[in-house]
Amino acid sequence: MSKIIGAVEIGTSKAKALIGEVSENSVINVVGMASRLNEGMRKGEIVDFRKVASAVHSALEDAEKMSGTTVDEVYLAQTGSHLKGHMLQGSASVSSSQNRVDSEDLQRAAQEAKRKQPEPGRTYVHHVRTPILLDGRMVQDPVGMIGSKVDLGYWSIDGDEQAIKQALHVIHNYSVEVKDLILSSIASSTMMAGPDLRRAGTLVIDMGAGVTDFALYRQGFVVKTGVIPVGGDHVTGDLSMGLRVLEPYAEKLKVEHGNALPNEIHEGEDVWIIGNKTIGDRAIPRKAISDVIHVRIAELFEILVKELDGFLDPDELKGGVLLTGGASVLPGVEQVASKILGFPSRRATFPTGIIPELAQPENATVLGLLHYGLEDHGLPGKKNVQTETGIIKKFKQMVGLGFQE
């Protein structure tokens, strides 16, 4: 019997809702998707609750109409500069008299790792497991193996409790449950970087409208994530100020004539702001447009280099750099990224089987939500039981959803 699940991304420029039908063999068929302009966000954070709620609810309603069904629970993407990641480590001695590892040994190590609490006013959003070590040797599944000590860790992301609470309220006000919170960068990476690339070591950069999310993988595991409060809207704002044009025209100039890498062949070439050469229209040097864009895009990747100080190891990043998100479609972005980051950078492509209408860079996160959410991220030897425990239980109490034991 198939199952209906949903995904919601509350982006800075658009709110997106996706509904998928999951077959018995876990194949996802997207049956509904919609987006609405969102004017209530700034840099990935809610600044006008009613505008955000209106955009999200309209997107959900449109997606449900398209699918001909309703959704009871969704995976919700999380982004924003308030999110911070930390590596948490735990270990446990093998308790068996035969020194044979049991799933309970892994569970005790996991509990040890998650014991550290975030600072007051903050709460965990996402725990992403790192490799398991058995007596210092990395193993995929140590259950049943001989050893004396297991170590494992989590890349754990915490965020501002109020910011998370507001996002959850937006969904709850539509009478839909939040099944889980998933970091936007990890959702995008799940969709755009396959298992082989993640094992080779890959940096996935999702360039959105208000923020840029990134996730760095080594040996198939997340080792660092982050959110940089710079995105495509900042490029538009720079063009508006630098060229003294209104933002709608600045956005048009960026989309139609922008290039992140100034090109000598554009010397002396002019473009028109409106395009009809009427009163109020005027010519703008095309190179001036590219110069403004280049400064902001270069700054973005320079910030990223500082964020990843000590992590950009050629031996650990053989998969290179993948760019996705709406701002990644700007011509020249790959070349600027390659030069500043020092690694081959290319625009990520979607897996086969996704229809062209959906396979757009700006949809990487919302599509990735379903794929990541449906994967089993539990510990080896322990069945992934879908129960309302841990973080989701805590969030339900936080937003007053009346969770009862």
Protein backbone atom coordinates (compact mmCIF):
# COMPACT_ATOMS: atom_id res chain seq x y z
CA MET A 1 0.00 0.00 0.00
CA SER A 2 1.38 3.44 -0.96
CA LYS A 3 1.95 6.25 1.52
CA ILE A 4 1.52 10.01 1.05
CA ILE A 5 4.17 12.30 2.55
CA GLY A 6 5.06 15.95 2.12
CA ALA A 7 7.99 18.32 2.20
CA VAL A 8 8.09 22.07 2.85
CA GLU A 9 10.87 24.57 2.28
CA ILE A 10 10.31 28.07 3.63
CA GLY A 11 12.75 29.94 1.43
CA THR A 12 13.65 33.61 1.46
CA SER A 13 12.06 34.28 -1.94
CA LYS A 14 9.59 31.39 -2.23
CA ALA A 15 7.74 28.90 -0.06
CA LYS A 16 7.62 25.45 -1.65
CA ALA A 17 5.48 22.43 -0.89
CA LEU A 18 5.91 18.98 -2.39
CA ILE A 19 3.74 15.89 -2.03
CA GLY A 20 5.09 12.45 -2.80
CA GLU A 21 3.53 9.03 -3.05
CA VAL A 22 5.80 6.33 -1.71
CA SER A 23 5.27 2.83 -3.04
CA GLU A 24 5.81 -0.39 -1.07
CA ASN A 25 9.33 -0.68 -2.51
CA SER A 26 10.13 2.90 -1.34
CA VAL A 27 10.04 4.50 -4.80
CA ILE A 28 8.94 8.15 -4.59
CA ASN A 29 6.54 9.52 -7.16
CA VAL A 30 6.02 13.28 -6.92
CA VAL A 31 2.28 13.87 -7.32
CA GLY A 32 2.04 17.52 -6.33
CA MET A 33 4.31 20.54 -6.05
CA ALA A 34 3.67 24.26 -5.75
CA SER A 35 5.49 27.43 -4.79
CA ARG A 36 4.41 30.89 -3.71
CA LEU A 37 6.30 34.15 -3.42
CA ASN A 38 7.37 34.70 0.16
CA GLU A 39 7.81 38.25 1.41
CA GLY A 40 8.05 37.45 5.11
CA MET A 41 11.62 36.15 5.26
CA ARG A 42 15.03 37.81 5.55
CA LYS A 43 18.22 35.79 5.25
CA GLY A 44 16.40 32.53 5.93
CA GLU A 45 14.57 33.74 9.04
CA ILE A 46 10.93 34.73 9.61
CA VAL A 47 10.35 38.47 10.04
CA ASP A 48 6.62 38.57 9.20
CA PHE A 49 4.77 35.50 10.46
CA ARG A 50 1.46 36.20 8.68
CA LYS A 51 3.07 36.68 5.28
CA VAL A 52 5.12 33.51 5.68
CA ALA A 53 2.12 31.51 6.86
CA SER A 54 0.04 32.77 3.93
CA ALA A 55 2.71 31.77 1.41
CA VAL A 56 3.30 28.33 2.94
CA HIS A 57 -0.39 27.53 3.36
CA SER A 58 -1.15 28.58 -0.21
CA ALA A 59 1.69 26.40 -1.53
CA LEU A 60 0.45 23.42 0.49
CA GLU A 61 -3.12 23.95 -0.69
CA ASP A 62 -2.03 24.19 -4.34
CA ALA A 63 0.13 21.06 -4.03
CA GLU A 64 -2.75 19.13 -2.47
CA LYS A 65 -5.11 20.23 -5.25
CA MET A 66 -2.58 19.15 -7.87
CA SER A 67 -2.12 15.75 -6.22
CA GLY A 68 -5.81 15.18 -5.55
CA THR A 69 -5.01 14.17 -1.99
CA THR A 70 -4.15 15.64 1.40
CA VAL A 71 -1.02 15.31 3.49
CA ASP A 72 -0.95 14.77 7.26
CA GLU A 73 2.77 15.23 7.92
CA VAL A 74 5.73 16.89 6.25
CA TYR A 75 9.49 17.06 6.42
CA LEU A 76 10.51 20.67 7.04
CA ALA A 77 13.77 22.20 5.82
CA GLN A 78 15.80 24.32 8.23
CA THR A 79 18.19 27.11 7.35
CA GLY A 80 19.27 30.49 8.72
CA SER A 81 22.39 32.04 10.17
CA HIS A 82 21.19 31.16 13.69
CA LEU A 83 22.06 27.50 13.04
CA LYS A 84 25.41 26.27 14.36
CA GLY A 85 27.05 22.87 14.01
CA HIS A 86 29.26 21.00 16.48
CA MET A 87 30.92 17.60 16.51
CA LEU A 88 29.81 15.48 19.47
CA GLN A 89 31.66 12.25 20.35
CA GLY A 90 30.69 9.27 22.46
CA SER A 91 32.15 5.88 23.31
CA ALA A 92 31.19 2.70 25.12
CA SER A 93 33.00 -0.44 26.23
CA VAL A 94 31.75 -3.68 24.74
CA SER A 95 29.68 -5.28 27.50
CA SER A 96 29.57 -8.88 26.27
CA SER A 97 31.77 -11.40 28.10
CA GLN A 98 32.79 -12.68 24.64
CA ASN A 99 33.71 -9.11 23.58
CA ARG A 100 31.16 -9.35 20.79
CA VAL A 101 29.56 -5.99 19.90
CA ASP A 102 25.83 -5.67 20.52
CA SER A 103 23.43 -3.00 19.29
CA GLU A 104 23.06 -1.84 22.90
CA ASP A 105 26.77 -0.95 22.96
CA LEU A 106 26.19 1.39 20.02
CA GLN A 107 23.15 2.84 21.72
CA ARG A 108 25.15 3.67 24.85
CA ALA A 109 27.85 5.35 22.76
CA ALA A 110 25.18 7.36 20.93
CA GLN A 111 23.62 8.47 24.22
CA GLU A 112 27.03 9.52 25.48
CA ALA A 113 27.59 11.60 22.34
CA LYS A 114 24.22 13.35 22.60
CA ARG A 115 24.53 14.03 26.32
CA LYS A 116 25.90 17.53 25.86
CA GLN A 117 23.06 20.06 25.88
CA PRO A 118 22.96 23.25 23.80
CA GLU A 119 23.14 26.67 25.39
CA PRO A 120 19.99 28.16 26.99
CA GLY A 121 17.56 29.43 24.37
CA ARG A 122 18.83 26.99 21.76
CA THR A 123 17.73 23.50 20.80
CA TYR A 124 19.02 20.71 18.58
CA VAL A 125 17.64 20.59 15.07
CA HIS A 126 19.52 17.70 13.51
CA HIS A 127 21.96 14.98 14.56
CA VAL A 128 23.90 13.48 11.64
CA ARG A 129 25.90 10.40 12.52
CA THR A 130 29.61 10.17 11.71
CA PRO A 131 31.61 6.92 11.20
CA ILE A 132 31.61 4.14 13.79
CA LEU A 133 35.00 3.07 15.09
CA LEU A 134 35.69 -0.34 16.63
CA ASP A 135 38.97 -0.22 18.55
CA GLY A 136 39.98 2.75 16.41
CA ARG A 137 39.12 1.10 13.07
CA MET A 138 36.25 2.42 10.97
CA VAL A 139 33.56 -0.18 10.33
CA GLN A 140 30.16 0.09 8.72
CA ASP A 141 28.33 -2.30 11.05
CA PRO A 142 30.25 -3.63 14.07
CA VAL A 143 27.33 -5.62 15.53
CA GLY A 144 28.52 -9.21 16.01
CA MET A 145 32.21 -8.31 15.59
CA ILE A 146 34.88 -8.87 18.26
CA GLY A 147 36.26 -5.78 20.00
CA SER A 148 36.58 -3.92 23.25
CA LYS A 149 35.42 -0.34 22.53
CA VAL A 150 33.10 1.43 20.09
CA ASP A 151 33.27 5.14 19.29
CA LEU A 152 30.82 7.18 17.27
CA GLY A 153 29.86 10.78 16.91
CA TYR A 154 27.32 13.19 15.48
CA TRP A 155 27.60 16.41 13.58
CA SER A 156 24.90 18.12 15.63
CA ILE A 157 23.18 21.33 14.58
CA ASP A 158 21.43 23.55 17.10
CA GLY A 159 19.45 26.71 16.51
CA ASP A 160 17.56 29.52 18.14
CA GLU A 161 14.54 28.03 19.90
CA GLN A 162 12.22 30.90 18.99
CA ALA A 163 13.14 30.80 15.30
CA ILE A 164 12.48 27.06 15.16
CA LYS A 165 9.24 27.42 17.11
CA GLN A 166 7.94 29.99 14.62
CA ALA A 167 8.65 27.72 11.65
CA LEU A 168 6.84 24.86 13.34
CA HIS A 169 3.85 27.09 14.13
CA VAL A 170 3.58 27.97 10.44
CA ILE A 171 3.10 24.30 9.57
CA HIS A 172 0.92 23.45 12.56
CA ASN A 173 -1.48 26.29 11.72
CA TYR A 174 -2.29 24.40 8.52
CA SER A 175 -3.25 21.38 10.67
CA VAL A 176 -0.26 19.39 9.44
CA GLU A 177 2.30 17.64 11.64
CA VAL A 178 6.07 18.08 11.23
CA LYS A 179 7.50 14.59 10.94
CA ASP A 180 11.10 15.76 11.16
CA LEU A 181 13.36 18.77 10.69
CA ILE A 182 16.13 18.37 8.13
CA LEU A 183 18.98 20.77 7.46
CA SER A 184 18.58 22.39 4.03
CA SER A 185 22.19 21.74 3.00
CA ILE A 186 21.90 18.03 3.84
CA ALA A 187 18.63 17.73 1.95
CA SER A 188 20.21 19.36 -1.11
CA SER A 189 23.29 17.16 -0.85
CA THR A 190 21.20 14.00 -0.65
CA MET A 191 19.57 14.94 -3.95
CA MET A 192 22.55 16.38 -5.85
CA ALA A 193 25.55 14.33 -4.63
CA GLY A 194 25.17 10.57 -4.89
CA PRO A 195 26.77 8.06 -2.50
CA ASP A 196 29.92 7.71 -4.64
CA LEU A 197 30.58 11.44 -4.61
CA ARG A 198 29.97 11.67 -0.87
CA ARG A 199 32.42 8.82 -0.28
CA ALA A 200 35.03 10.51 -2.48
CA GLY A 201 34.63 13.72 -0.50
CA THR A 202 32.46 16.52 -1.85
CA LEU A 203 31.50 20.06 -0.92
CA VAL A 204 27.90 20.89 -1.85
CA ILE A 205 27.03 24.61 -1.97
CA ASP A 206 23.36 25.59 -2.24
CA MET A 207 23.17 29.23 -3.33
CA GLY A 208 19.71 30.49 -2.42
CA ALA A 209 18.06 33.89 -2.56
CA GLY A 210 18.77 34.98 1.01
CA VAL A 211 21.45 32.58 2.26
CA THR A 212 23.97 30.05 1.01
CA ASP A 213 23.97 26.64 2.70
CA PHE A 214 26.88 24.23 2.47
CA ALA A 215 27.68 20.67 3.51
CA LEU A 216 31.09 19.02 3.38
CA TYR A 217 31.37 15.24 3.11
CA ARG A 218 34.33 12.95 3.80
CA GLN A 219 34.21 9.19 3.33
CA GLY A 220 30.45 9.45 2.88
CA PHE A 221 29.77 11.34 6.12
CA VAL A 222 29.04 14.96 6.95
CA VAL A 223 31.96 16.66 8.68
CA LYS A 224 30.82 20.29 8.50
CA THR A 225 27.79 22.35 7.55
CA GLY A 226 27.06 26.04 7.66
CA VAL A 227 24.90 28.92 6.53
CA ILE A 228 26.33 32.11 5.03
CA PRO A 229 23.91 35.08 5.04
CA VAL A 230 24.65 35.96 1.40
CA GLY A 231 22.55 34.94 -1.59
CA GLY A 232 21.14 35.96 -4.94
CA ASP A 233 19.01 38.76 -3.47
CA HIS A 234 22.17 40.48 -2.27
CA VAL A 235 23.49 40.52 -5.82
CA THR A 236 20.24 42.16 -6.95
CA GLY A 237 20.52 44.71 -4.15
CA ASP A 238 24.10 45.52 -5.12
CA LEU A 239 23.05 46.08 -8.73
CA SER A 240 20.18 48.30 -7.63
CA MET A 241 22.46 50.50 -5.54
CA GLY A 242 25.52 50.40 -7.77
CA LEU A 243 23.70 51.12 -11.02
CA ARG A 244 21.00 53.32 -9.43
CA VAL A 245 18.06 51.31 -10.74
CA LEU A 246 14.94 49.93 -9.06
CA GLU A 247 15.24 46.35 -7.75
CA PRO A 248 12.83 44.80 -10.29
CA TYR A 249 15.02 46.18 -13.09
CA ALA A 250 18.17 45.11 -11.24
CA GLU A 251 16.82 41.56 -11.06
CA LYS A 252 16.04 41.67 -14.80
CA LEU A 253 19.56 42.88 -15.60
CA LYS A 254 21.05 40.12 -13.44
CA VAL A 255 19.00 37.34 -15.00
CA GLU A 256 19.28 38.47 -18.62
CA HIS A 257 22.76 40.00 -18.79
CA GLY A 258 24.59 39.07 -15.59
CA ASN A 259 27.88 37.20 -15.40
CA ALA A 260 29.92 36.49 -12.29
CA LEU A 261 33.10 36.57 -14.35
CA PRO A 262 33.69 39.88 -16.17
CA ASN A 263 34.56 39.25 -19.81
CA GLU A 264 36.61 41.53 -22.06
CA ILE A 265 34.30 40.80 -25.00
CA HIS A 266 31.62 42.81 -23.19
CA GLU A 267 33.79 45.96 -23.21
CA GLY A 268 31.84 48.75 -24.86
CA GLU A 269 28.58 46.73 -24.96
CA ASP A 270 25.51 48.43 -23.49
CA VAL A 271 22.18 46.96 -22.41
CA TRP A 272 18.93 48.81 -21.72
CA ILE A 273 17.30 48.82 -18.30
CA ILE A 274 13.72 48.42 -19.49
CA GLY A 275 14.39 47.43 -23.07
CA ASN A 276 11.96 49.63 -25.01
CA LYS A 277 14.16 52.74 -25.20
CA THR A 278 11.30 54.95 -24.04
CA ILE A 279 11.46 57.87 -21.61
CA GLY A 280 13.05 56.67 -18.39
CA ASP A 281 14.94 53.85 -20.09
CA ARG A 282 18.71 54.17 -20.26
CA ALA A 283 21.73 52.18 -21.31
CA ILE A 284 23.98 50.41 -18.82
CA PRO A 285 27.48 49.06 -19.64
CA ARG A 286 27.23 45.27 -19.56
CA LYS A 287 30.68 45.04 -18.02
CA ALA A 288 29.51 47.23 -15.13
CA ILE A 289 26.79 44.66 -14.39
CA SER A 290 29.32 41.83 -14.33
CA ASP A 291 31.77 43.83 -12.22
CA VAL A 292 29.15 44.37 -9.50
CA ILE A 293 28.08 40.72 -9.55
CA HIS A 294 31.67 39.48 -9.44
CA VAL A 295 32.48 41.43 -6.26
CA ARG A 296 29.58 39.92 -4.33
CA ILE A 297 30.03 36.35 -5.62
CA ALA A 298 33.77 36.48 -4.92
CA GLU A 299 33.05 37.74 -1.40
CA LEU A 300 30.69 34.81 -0.85
CA PHE A 301 33.32 32.22 -1.73
CA GLU A 302 35.99 34.06 0.26
CA ILE A 303 33.73 33.85 3.34
CA LEU A 304 33.28 30.14 2.60
CA VAL A 305 37.05 29.61 2.51
CA LYS A 306 37.31 31.12 6.00
CA GLU A 307 34.42 28.96 7.25
CA LEU A 308 36.17 25.85 5.92
CA ASP A 309 39.64 26.71 7.19
CA GLY A 310 41.47 23.44 7.75
CA PHE A 311 38.84 21.33 5.94
CA LEU A 312 39.79 21.94 2.30
CA ASP A 313 42.18 19.00 1.96
CA PRO A 314 42.79 17.78 -1.65
CA ASP A 315 43.15 14.20 -0.42
CA GLU A 316 39.73 14.38 1.26
CA LEU A 317 37.86 16.30 -1.46
CA LYS A 318 38.32 14.24 -4.59
CA GLY A 319 34.68 14.70 -5.58
CA GLY A 320 35.23 18.44 -5.97
CA VAL A 321 32.66 21.17 -5.44
CA LEU A 322 29.03 20.97 -6.53
CA LEU A 323 26.95 24.13 -6.92
CA THR A 324 23.17 24.19 -6.77
CA GLY A 325 20.38 26.58 -5.81
CA GLY A 326 18.81 29.36 -7.84
CA ALA A 327 21.83 31.69 -7.70
CA SER A 328 24.14 28.98 -9.06
CA VAL A 329 22.73 29.43 -12.57
CA LEU A 330 24.54 32.77 -12.98
CA PRO A 331 27.11 32.34 -15.77
CA GLY A 332 30.69 32.34 -14.50
CA VAL A 333 29.86 31.19 -10.96
CA GLU A 334 31.70 27.87 -11.43
CA GLN A 335 34.87 29.62 -12.58
CA VAL A 336 34.86 32.06 -9.65
CA ALA A 337 34.27 29.20 -7.20
CA SER A 338 37.10 27.13 -8.69
CA LYS A 339 39.57 30.00 -8.50
CA ILE A 340 38.80 31.06 -4.92
CA LEU A 341 38.17 27.63 -3.38
CA GLY A 342 41.05 26.00 -5.25
CA PHE A 343 39.02 22.96 -6.33
CA PRO A 344 37.21 22.03 -9.54
CA SER A 345 33.68 23.39 -9.22
CA ARG A 346 30.70 22.52 -11.37
CA ARG A 347 26.96 22.90 -11.42
CA ALA A 348 25.28 19.85 -9.90
CA THR A 349 22.92 17.76 -12.00
CA PHE A 350 19.82 15.88 -10.86
CA PRO A 351 19.61 12.09 -10.89
CA THR A 352 17.85 10.53 -13.84
CA GLY A 353 14.11 10.06 -13.57
CA ILE A 354 13.18 13.56 -12.38
CA ILE A 355 11.07 15.42 -14.91
CA PRO A 356 12.63 18.61 -16.35
CA GLU A 357 9.96 20.84 -14.78
CA LEU A 358 11.15 19.72 -11.33
CA ALA A 359 14.84 19.26 -12.08
CA GLN A 360 15.73 22.90 -11.46
CA PRO A 361 18.56 23.99 -9.12
CA GLU A 362 16.18 25.96 -6.90
CA ASN A 363 14.26 22.73 -6.17
CA ALA A 364 17.23 20.76 -4.83
CA THR A 365 16.29 21.21 -1.18
CA VAL A 366 12.57 20.45 -1.32
CA LEU A 367 13.15 17.35 -3.48
CA GLY A 368 15.97 16.21 -1.22
CA LEU A 369 13.79 16.44 1.88
CA LEU A 370 11.74 13.41 0.90
CA HIS A 371 14.73 11.32 -0.12
CA TYR A 372 16.68 12.03 3.06
CA GLY A 373 13.65 11.66 5.29
CA LEU A 374 12.80 8.23 3.92
CA GLU A 375 16.31 6.85 4.41
CA ASP A 376 17.06 4.80 7.51
CA HIS A 377 19.51 6.84 9.60
CA GLY A 378 19.28 4.62 12.65
CA LEU A 379 22.13 2.74 14.26
CA PRO A 380 23.16 -0.63 12.81
CA GLY A 381 21.40 -3.60 14.31
CA LYS A 382 18.46 -1.53 15.48
CA LYS A 383 15.28 -1.26 13.43
CA ASN A 384 14.32 2.29 12.51
CA VAL A 385 10.99 2.49 14.31
CA GLN A 386 8.94 5.56 13.40
CA THR A 387 7.92 6.80 16.82
CA GLU A 388 7.37 10.27 18.20
CA THR A 389 10.35 10.54 20.48
CA GLY A 390 13.33 12.79 21.09
CA ILE A 391 13.47 16.01 19.13
CA ILE A 392 9.99 15.81 17.59
CA LYS A 393 8.41 15.15 20.98
CA LYS A 394 10.29 18.13 22.36
CA PHE A 395 9.17 20.34 19.50
CA LYS A 396 5.55 19.29 20.00
CA GLN A 397 5.78 20.37 23.61
CA MET A 398 7.49 23.60 22.57
CA VAL A 399 4.70 24.65 20.21
CA GLY A 400 1.90 23.38 22.41
CA LEU A 401 0.66 20.56 20.20
CA GLY A 402 -0.62 18.59 23.16
CA PHE A 403 1.65 15.57 22.90
CA GLN A 404 0.72 12.96 25.44
CA GLU A 405 2.54 9.85 26.56
